[in-house]
Amino acid sequence: MTLFTRAGLTAVTFLLLSTIVAHSDDWTANKLRGRVLQLVDQQWQPLQRGDIVPDSRVVRTLGGAQVQLTRGEETVDVGPDTQIQIVDKPTGGKPFTTVKEAFGTVSVEAQVEQVQHFAVQTTFLAAVVKGTRFTVTAGKTGASVSVQRGHVAVEDKGNGTHVTLSVGQSAVVDIGKTDGALKVAGAGVLPTLLDQHGKPVVTQATGKGPKADKAAKDEGKSNSGLGGQGGGDGGKGKDKAKKDD
């Protein structure tokens, strides 16, 4: 083998390895159905099965369409009528990934051991992976998160209220349905909502928390006062009856 041949093979090998490393951090359109678009130079262009989706590329599915984006063992399933943008911060180690969801439905599967950070952000809330599969739905008035496996930390972007959900549980923030507050529902014992300082706040299901305890005490005092007043009225009635006799 000549020197030039060896040099040529070395160059080709280097280029192949560089390409593999470059694509290892990119997302690939693995499964695709219907019309899926990507925003390239401010122009919407079709996204095809097998296409590489570069960092920060905006992807949109039209009615009835869906696409699955994969990176290693991580998947992002984009439902119909959905727009997302996947942003990866360069860390030199485990991926630091954020899915920015403008509207629609996104399901994520990722293992916390394989990522430094993996979150889905909407206008109303943010969901952070803790080794799980979960679904985020976003609309004009709110957003919701449901957990299919593992745990997900959910934060209300309006006031910093947060909670960690388990399998079968969900959280929603909606201007109309929840007055813009973070509400939790689902199976098992519901987790306690925490404020931005990490202190418990009242949950709509259990009514537990410092505020609820204070309200219960106040209500007890009020009822006690009413009982005493009732007894006093009864005593007056007896005195009047004696006078009449």
C-alpha atoms as a PDB file:
ATOM      1  CA  MET A   1       0.000   0.000   0.000  1.00  0.00           C
ATOM      2  CA  THR A   2       1.456   3.367  -1.025  1.00  0.00           C
ATOM      3  CA  LEU A   3       1.823   6.370   1.209  1.00  0.00           C
ATOM      4  CA  PHE A   4      -0.835   8.266  -0.778  1.00  0.00           C
ATOM      5  CA  THR A   5      -3.282   5.373  -0.463  1.00  0.00           C
ATOM      6  CA  ARG A   6      -2.760   5.173   3.292  1.00  0.00           C
ATOM      7  CA  ALA A   7      -3.182   8.926   3.587  1.00  0.00           C
ATOM      8  CA  GLY A   8      -6.370   8.745   1.525  1.00  0.00           C
ATOM      9  CA  LEU A   9      -7.823   5.968   3.682  1.00  0.00           C
ATOM     10  CA  THR A  10      -6.926   7.893   6.829  1.00  0.00           C
ATOM     11  CA  ALA A  11      -8.683  10.986   5.496  1.00  0.00           C
ATOM     12  CA  VAL A  12     -11.802   9.008   4.527  1.00  0.00           C
ATOM     13  CA  THR A  13     -11.879   7.299   7.929  1.00  0.00           C
ATOM     14  CA  PHE A  14     -11.575  10.646   9.690  1.00  0.00           C
ATOM     15  CA  LEU A  15     -14.418  12.100   7.645  1.00  0.00           C
ATOM     16  CA  LEU A  16     -16.649   9.106   8.383  1.00  0.00           C
ATOM     17  CA  LEU A  17     -15.953   9.310  12.108  1.00  0.00           C
ATOM     18  CA  SER A  18     -16.585  13.057  12.101  1.00  0.00           C
ATOM     19  CA  THR A  19     -19.907  12.505  10.335  1.00  0.00           C
ATOM     20  CA  ILE A  20     -20.956   9.826  12.853  1.00  0.00           C
ATOM     21  CA  VAL A  21     -20.055  12.066  15.811  1.00  0.00           C
ATOM     22  CA  ALA A  22     -21.850  15.022  14.255  1.00  0.00           C
ATOM     23  CA  HIS A  23     -25.036  13.009  13.621  1.00  0.00           C
ATOM     24  CA  SER A  24     -24.987  11.318  17.029  1.00  0.00           C
ATOM     25  CA  ASP A  25     -26.283  14.544  18.597  1.00  0.00           C
ATOM     26  CA  ASP A  26     -28.874  15.156  15.858  1.00  0.00           C
ATOM     27  CA  TRP A  27     -32.429  13.908  15.684  1.00  0.00           C
ATOM     28  CA  THR A  28     -33.643  11.706  12.826  1.00  0.00           C
ATOM     29  CA  ALA A  29     -37.166  11.449  11.421  1.00  0.00           C
ATOM     30  CA  ASN A  30     -37.559   7.730  12.045  1.00  0.00           C
ATOM     31  CA  LYS A  31     -41.301   7.220  11.515  1.00  0.00           C
ATOM     32  CA  LEU A  32     -43.458   9.627   9.550  1.00  0.00           C
ATOM     33  CA  ARG A  33     -47.055   9.735   8.389  1.00  0.00           C
ATOM     34  CA  GLY A  34     -48.894  12.525   6.603  1.00  0.00           C
ATOM     35  CA  ARG A  35     -47.550  15.958   5.820  1.00  0.00           C
ATOM     36  CA  VAL A  36     -44.730  17.091   8.106  1.00  0.00           C
ATOM     37  CA  LEU A  37     -42.888  20.361   7.522  1.00  0.00           C
ATOM     38  CA  GLN A  38     -39.619  21.920   8.677  1.00  0.00           C
ATOM     39  CA  LEU A  39     -38.688  25.595   8.654  1.00  0.00           C
ATOM     40  CA  VAL A  40     -35.572  26.133   6.523  1.00  0.00           C
ATOM     41  CA  ASP A  41     -34.392  29.709   5.880  1.00  0.00           C
ATOM     42  CA  GLN A  42     -37.841  31.027   6.816  1.00  0.00           C
ATOM     43  CA  GLN A  43     -39.474  28.695   4.287  1.00  0.00           C
ATOM     44  CA  TRP A  44     -41.613  25.655   5.103  1.00  0.00           C
ATOM     45  CA  GLN A  45     -40.239  22.553   3.398  1.00  0.00           C
ATOM     46  CA  PRO A  46     -41.352  18.880   3.556  1.00  0.00           C
ATOM     47  CA  LEU A  47     -39.634  16.654   6.115  1.00  0.00           C
ATOM     48  CA  GLN A  48     -39.027  13.128   4.824  1.00  0.00           C
ATOM     49  CA  ARG A  49     -38.444   9.848   6.636  1.00  0.00           C
ATOM     50  CA  GLY A  50     -34.719   9.479   7.357  1.00  0.00           C
ATOM     51  CA  ASP A  51     -34.008  13.228   7.299  1.00  0.00           C
ATOM     52  CA  ILE A  52     -31.682  14.676   9.935  1.00  0.00           C
ATOM     53  CA  VAL A  53     -33.276  17.459  11.986  1.00  0.00           C
ATOM     54  CA  PRO A  54     -30.560  19.970  12.925  1.00  0.00           C
ATOM     55  CA  ASP A  55     -30.445  21.698  16.288  1.00  0.00           C
ATOM     56  CA  SER A  56     -33.155  24.373  16.790  1.00  0.00           C
ATOM     57  CA  ARG A  57     -34.974  23.414  13.571  1.00  0.00           C
ATOM     58  CA  VAL A  58     -38.730  24.104  13.823  1.00  0.00           C
ATOM     59  CA  VAL A  59     -40.892  21.101  12.891  1.00  0.00           C
ATOM     60  CA  ARG A  60     -44.655  21.198  12.323  1.00  0.00           C
ATOM     61  CA  THR A  61     -47.182  18.442  11.655  1.00  0.00           C
ATOM     62  CA  LEU A  62     -50.417  19.196   9.827  1.00  0.00           C
ATOM     63  CA  GLY A  63     -53.822  17.637  10.514  1.00  0.00           C
ATOM     64  CA  GLY A  64     -53.624  13.840  10.713  1.00  0.00           C
ATOM     65  CA  ALA A  65     -49.826  13.814  10.414  1.00  0.00           C
ATOM     66  CA  GLN A  66     -47.282  12.631  12.961  1.00  0.00           C
ATOM     67  CA  VAL A  67     -43.569  11.986  13.160  1.00  0.00           C
ATOM     68  CA  GLN A  68     -41.230  10.198  15.535  1.00  0.00           C
ATOM     69  CA  LEU A  69     -37.814  11.783  16.055  1.00  0.00           C
ATOM     70  CA  THR A  70     -35.081   9.584  17.500  1.00  0.00           C
ATOM     71  CA  ARG A  71     -31.610  10.080  18.926  1.00  0.00           C
ATOM     72  CA  GLY A  72     -30.103   6.853  20.179  1.00  0.00           C
ATOM     73  CA  GLU A  73     -32.659   5.368  22.577  1.00  0.00           C
ATOM     74  CA  GLU A  74     -34.456   8.678  23.099  1.00  0.00           C
ATOM     75  CA  THR A  75     -37.665   9.378  21.183  1.00  0.00           C
ATOM     76  CA  VAL A  76     -39.916  12.396  20.663  1.00  0.00           C
ATOM     77  CA  ASP A  77     -43.317  11.523  19.176  1.00  0.00           C
ATOM     78  CA  VAL A  78     -44.952  14.572  17.598  1.00  0.00           C
ATOM     79  CA  GLY A  79     -48.726  14.319  17.257  1.00  0.00           C
ATOM     80  CA  PRO A  80     -51.028  15.942  14.681  1.00  0.00           C
ATOM     81  CA  ASP A  81     -51.328  19.743  14.497  1.00  0.00           C
ATOM     82  CA  THR A  82     -48.190  20.239  16.585  1.00  0.00           C
ATOM     83  CA  GLN A  83     -45.191  22.562  16.344  1.00  0.00           C
ATOM     84  CA  ILE A  84     -41.932  22.003  18.217  1.00  0.00           C
ATOM     85  CA  GLN A  85     -38.306  23.064  18.254  1.00  0.00           C
ATOM     86  CA  ILE A  86     -35.597  20.878  19.800  1.00  0.00           C
ATOM     87  CA  VAL A  87     -32.679  22.813  21.285  1.00  0.00           C
ATOM     88  CA  ASP A  88     -29.521  21.048  22.459  1.00  0.00           C
ATOM     89  CA  LYS A  89     -26.901  22.868  24.501  1.00  0.00           C
ATOM     90  CA  PRO A  90     -23.331  21.758  23.809  1.00  0.00           C
ATOM     91  CA  THR A  91     -21.978  20.258  27.030  1.00  0.00           C
ATOM     92  CA  GLY A  92     -19.237  17.927  25.851  1.00  0.00           C
ATOM     93  CA  GLY A  93     -20.934  15.143  27.812  1.00  0.00           C
ATOM     94  CA  LYS A  94     -24.519  14.022  28.322  1.00  0.00           C
ATOM     95  CA  PRO A  95     -27.118  15.872  26.210  1.00  0.00           C
ATOM     96  CA  PHE A  96     -28.827  18.965  27.616  1.00  0.00           C
ATOM     97  CA  THR A  97     -32.054  18.987  25.607  1.00  0.00           C
ATOM     98  CA  THR A  98     -35.139  21.196  25.634  1.00  0.00           C
ATOM     99  CA  VAL A  99     -38.207  20.623  23.458  1.00  0.00           C
ATOM    100  CA  LYS A 100     -40.004  23.931  22.944  1.00  0.00           C
ATOM    101  CA  GLU A 101     -43.637  23.122  22.207  1.00  0.00           C
ATOM    102  CA  ALA A 102     -45.674  25.945  20.672  1.00  0.00           C
ATOM    103  CA  PHE A 103     -48.877  23.914  20.442  1.00  0.00           C
ATOM    104  CA  GLY A 104     -50.129  20.354  19.986  1.00  0.00           C
ATOM    105  CA  THR A 105     -49.133  17.068  21.613  1.00  0.00           C
ATOM    106  CA  VAL A 106     -45.660  15.638  22.263  1.00  0.00           C
ATOM    107  CA  SER A 107     -44.700  12.335  23.904  1.00  0.00           C
ATOM    108  CA  VAL A 108     -41.147  11.901  25.171  1.00  0.00           C
ATOM    109  CA  GLU A 109     -39.190   8.815  26.169  1.00  0.00           C
ATOM    110  CA  ALA A 110     -35.757   9.296  27.701  1.00  0.00           C
ATOM    111  CA  GLN A 111     -33.703   7.795  30.511  1.00  0.00           C
ATOM    112  CA  VAL A 112     -32.284  10.183  33.063  1.00  0.00           C
ATOM    113  CA  GLU A 113     -29.051   8.175  33.188  1.00  0.00           C
ATOM    114  CA  GLN A 114     -28.385   9.027  29.545  1.00  0.00           C
ATOM    115  CA  VAL A 115     -29.131  12.751  29.647  1.00  0.00           C
ATOM    116  CA  GLN A 116     -27.950  15.658  31.744  1.00  0.00           C
ATOM    117  CA  HIS A 117     -31.242  17.479  31.229  1.00  0.00           C
ATOM    118  CA  PHE A 118     -34.321  16.765  29.122  1.00  0.00           C
ATOM    119  CA  ALA A 119     -37.391  18.974  29.322  1.00  0.00           C
ATOM    120  CA  VAL A 120     -40.489  20.033  27.417  1.00  0.00           C
ATOM    121  CA  GLN A 121     -41.395  23.714  27.697  1.00  0.00           C
ATOM    122  CA  THR A 122     -44.729  25.308  26.836  1.00  0.00           C
ATOM    123  CA  THR A 123     -46.017  28.811  27.414  1.00  0.00           C
ATOM    124  CA  PHE A 124     -47.718  27.708  30.631  1.00  0.00           C
ATOM    125  CA  LEU A 125     -45.598  24.923  32.138  1.00  0.00           C
ATOM    126  CA  ALA A 126     -42.356  22.978  31.872  1.00  0.00           C
ATOM    127  CA  ALA A 127     -41.892  19.221  32.341  1.00  0.00           C
ATOM    128  CA  VAL A 128     -38.480  17.756  33.210  1.00  0.00           C
ATOM    129  CA  VAL A 129     -37.547  14.118  32.635  1.00  0.00           C
ATOM    130  CA  LYS A 130     -36.612  11.993  35.619  1.00  0.00           C
ATOM    131  CA  GLY A 131     -36.326   8.752  33.635  1.00  0.00           C
ATOM    132  CA  THR A 132     -39.704   8.217  32.076  1.00  0.00           C
ATOM    133  CA  ARG A 133     -42.245   8.396  29.305  1.00  0.00           C
ATOM    134  CA  PHE A 134     -44.700  11.272  29.393  1.00  0.00           C
ATOM    135  CA  THR A 135     -46.998  13.327  27.166  1.00  0.00           C
ATOM    136  CA  VAL A 136     -47.365  17.110  27.006  1.00  0.00           C
ATOM    137  CA  THR A 137     -50.338  18.803  25.359  1.00  0.00           C
ATOM    138  CA  ALA A 138     -50.339  22.565  24.787  1.00  0.00           C
ATOM    139  CA  GLY A 139     -53.010  24.934  23.539  1.00  0.00           C
ATOM    140  CA  LYS A 140     -53.940  28.616  23.495  1.00  0.00           C
ATOM    141  CA  THR A 141     -55.286  28.685  27.057  1.00  0.00           C
ATOM    142  CA  GLY A 142     -53.129  26.122  28.836  1.00  0.00           C
ATOM    143  CA  ALA A 143     -51.095  22.935  28.880  1.00  0.00           C
ATOM    144  CA  SER A 144     -51.125  19.531  30.552  1.00  0.00           C
ATOM    145  CA  VAL A 145     -48.705  16.702  31.371  1.00  0.00           C
ATOM    146  CA  SER A 146     -49.522  13.021  31.877  1.00  0.00           C
ATOM    147  CA  VAL A 147     -47.064  10.317  32.959  1.00  0.00           C
ATOM    148  CA  GLN A 148     -46.977   6.815  31.459  1.00  0.00           C
ATOM    149  CA  ARG A 149     -43.774   5.617  33.121  1.00  0.00           C
ATOM    150  CA  GLY A 150     -41.368   6.871  35.779  1.00  0.00           C
ATOM    151  CA  HIS A 151     -41.542  10.390  37.223  1.00  0.00           C
ATOM    152  CA  VAL A 152     -41.793  13.902  35.795  1.00  0.00           C
ATOM    153  CA  ALA A 153     -41.182  17.226  37.513  1.00  0.00           C
ATOM    154  CA  VAL A 154     -43.715  19.840  36.386  1.00  0.00           C
ATOM    155  CA  GLU A 155     -43.398  23.576  36.967  1.00  0.00           C
ATOM    156  CA  ASP A 156     -45.943  26.350  36.504  1.00  0.00           C
ATOM    157  CA  LYS A 157     -44.032  28.977  34.535  1.00  0.00           C
ATOM    158  CA  GLY A 158     -46.312  31.705  35.854  1.00  0.00           C
ATOM    159  CA  ASN A 159     -45.580  31.487  39.587  1.00  0.00           C
ATOM    160  CA  GLY A 160     -42.973  28.750  40.042  1.00  0.00           C
ATOM    161  CA  THR A 161     -45.354  26.256  41.670  1.00  0.00           C
ATOM    162  CA  HIS A 162     -44.036  22.745  41.013  1.00  0.00           C
ATOM    163  CA  VAL A 163     -44.758  19.084  41.643  1.00  0.00           C
ATOM    164  CA  THR A 164     -43.337  15.650  40.803  1.00  0.00           C
ATOM    165  CA  LEU A 165     -45.804  13.293  39.116  1.00  0.00           C
ATOM    166  CA  SER A 166     -45.830   9.477  39.111  1.00  0.00           C
ATOM    167  CA  VAL A 167     -47.368   6.919  36.738  1.00  0.00           C
ATOM    168  CA  GLY A 168     -51.051   7.551  36.063  1.00  0.00           C
ATOM    169  CA  GLN A 169     -50.955  11.135  37.323  1.00  0.00           C
ATOM    170  CA  SER A 170     -51.342  14.379  35.426  1.00  0.00           C
ATOM    171  CA  ALA A 171     -50.985  18.121  35.917  1.00  0.00           C
ATOM    172  CA  VAL A 172     -52.707  20.959  34.110  1.00  0.00           C
ATOM    173  CA  VAL A 173     -52.467  24.738  33.924  1.00  0.00           C
ATOM    174  CA  ASP A 174     -55.373  26.357  32.079  1.00  0.00           C
ATOM    175  CA  ILE A 175     -56.695  29.902  32.131  1.00  0.00           C
ATOM    176  CA  GLY A 176     -60.295  28.728  31.850  1.00  0.00           C
ATOM    177  CA  LYS A 177     -60.365  25.346  33.617  1.00  0.00           C
ATOM    178  CA  THR A 178     -58.020  26.015  36.548  1.00  0.00           C
ATOM    179  CA  ASP A 179     -57.923  29.835  36.638  1.00  0.00           C
ATOM    180  CA  GLY A 180     -54.302  29.628  35.538  1.00  0.00           C
ATOM    181  CA  ALA A 181     -53.217  27.581  38.560  1.00  0.00           C
ATOM    182  CA  LEU A 182     -51.361  24.252  38.540  1.00  0.00           C
ATOM    183  CA  LYS A 183     -53.736  21.387  39.397  1.00  0.00           C
ATOM    184  CA  VAL A 184     -52.924  17.700  39.895  1.00  0.00           C
ATOM    185  CA  ALA A 185     -55.121  14.638  39.330  1.00  0.00           C
ATOM    186  CA  GLY A 186     -54.803  10.907  38.761  1.00  0.00           C
ATOM    187  CA  ALA A 187     -54.122   7.599  40.446  1.00  0.00           C
ATOM    188  CA  GLY A 188     -52.758   6.886  43.928  1.00  0.00           C
ATOM    189  CA  VAL A 189     -51.822   9.436  46.563  1.00  0.00           C
ATOM    190  CA  LEU A 190     -51.480  12.773  44.822  1.00  0.00           C
ATOM    191  CA  PRO A 191     -48.211  14.622  45.389  1.00  0.00           C
ATOM    192  CA  THR A 192     -48.067  17.874  47.321  1.00  0.00           C
ATOM    193  CA  LEU A 193     -47.750  21.071  45.321  1.00  0.00           C
ATOM    194  CA  LEU A 194     -44.775  23.204  46.326  1.00  0.00           C
ATOM    195  CA  ASP A 195     -44.355  26.928  45.826  1.00  0.00           C
ATOM    196  CA  GLN A 196     -41.258  28.558  44.360  1.00  0.00           C
ATOM    197  CA  HIS A 197     -39.622  28.427  47.797  1.00  0.00           C
ATOM    198  CA  GLY A 198     -40.316  24.708  48.226  1.00  0.00           C
ATOM    199  CA  LYS A 199     -43.116  25.158  50.768  1.00  0.00           C
ATOM    200  CA  PRO A 200     -46.360  23.108  50.522  1.00  0.00           C
ATOM    201  CA  VAL A 201     -49.448  24.763  49.066  1.00  0.00           C
ATOM    202  CA  VAL A 202     -53.055  23.612  49.086  1.00  0.00           C
ATOM    203  CA  THR A 203     -53.985  20.832  46.650  1.00  0.00           C
ATOM    204  CA  GLN A 204     -57.457  20.839  45.191  1.00  0.00           C
ATOM    205  CA  ALA A 205     -57.952  17.128  45.858  1.00  0.00           C
ATOM    206  CA  THR A 206     -56.888  16.784  49.478  1.00  0.00           C
ATOM    207  CA  GLY A 207     -57.143  20.329  50.789  1.00  0.00           C
ATOM    208  CA  LYS A 208     -53.983  19.695  52.799  1.00  0.00           C
ATOM    209  CA  GLY A 209     -51.427  22.338  53.594  1.00  0.00           C
ATOM    210  CA  PRO A 210     -50.834  25.284  55.923  1.00  0.00           C
ATOM    211  CA  LYS A 211     -53.597  27.387  54.364  1.00  0.00           C
ATOM    212  CA  ALA A 212     -56.109  24.570  54.568  1.00  0.00           C
ATOM    213  CA  ASP A 213     -55.219  23.909  58.208  1.00  0.00           C
ATOM    214  CA  LYS A 214     -55.705  27.576  59.086  1.00  0.00           C
ATOM    215  CA  ALA A 215     -59.018  27.667  57.227  1.00  0.00           C
ATOM    216  CA  ALA A 216     -60.204  24.595  59.119  1.00  0.00           C
ATOM    217  CA  LYS A 217     -59.279  26.154  62.472  1.00  0.00           C
ATOM    218  CA  ASP A 218     -61.051  29.403  61.575  1.00  0.00           C
ATOM    219  CA  GLU A 219     -64.126  27.490  60.506  1.00  0.00           C
ATOM    220  CA  GLY A 220     -64.072  25.519  63.782  1.00  0.00           C
ATOM    221  CA  LYS A 221     -63.935  28.714  65.820  1.00  0.00           C
ATOM    222  CA  SER A 222     -66.806  30.158  63.835  1.00  0.00           C
ATOM    223  CA  ASN A 223     -68.961  27.075  64.352  1.00  0.00           C
ATOM    224  CA  SER A 224     -68.115  27.079  68.063  1.00  0.00           C
ATOM    225  CA  GLY A 225     -69.269  30.681  68.349  1.00  0.00           C
ATOM    226  CA  LEU A 226     -72.536  29.882  66.608  1.00  0.00           C
ATOM    227  CA  GLY A 227     -73.129  26.965  68.992  1.00  0.00           C
ATOM    228  CA  GLY A 228     -72.629  29.210  72.022  1.00  0.00           C
ATOM    229  CA  GLN A 229     -74.993  31.778  70.568  1.00  0.00           C
ATOM    230  CA  GLY A 230     -77.609  29.103  70.014  1.00  0.00           C
ATOM    231  CA  GLY A 231     -77.306  27.970  73.642  1.00  0.00           C
ATOM    232  CA  GLY A 232     -77.711  31.533  74.837  1.00  0.00           C
ATOM    233  CA  ASP A 233     -80.902  31.970  72.828  1.00  0.00           C
ATOM    234  CA  GLY A 234     -82.230  28.716  74.287  1.00  0.00           C
ATOM    235  CA  GLY A 235     -81.604  29.989  77.831  1.00  0.00           C
ATOM    236  CA  LYS A 236     -83.461  33.215  77.127  1.00  0.00           C
ATOM    237  CA  GLY A 237     -86.401  31.192  75.845  1.00  0.00           C
ATOM    238  CA  LYS A 238     -86.603  29.210  79.116  1.00  0.00           C
ATOM    239  CA  ASP A 239     -86.523  32.398  81.270  1.00  0.00           C
ATOM    240  CA  LYS A 240     -89.341  33.898  79.256  1.00  0.00           C
ATOM    241  CA  ALA A 241     -91.417  30.759  79.658  1.00  0.00           C
ATOM    242  CA  LYS A 242     -91.013  30.909  83.471  1.00  0.00           C
ATOM    243  CA  LYS A 243     -92.174  34.556  83.589  1.00  0.00           C
ATOM    244  CA  ASP A 244     -95.257  33.734  81.526  1.00  0.00           C
ATOM    245  CA  ASP A 245     -96.133  30.985  84.016  1.00  0.00           C
END
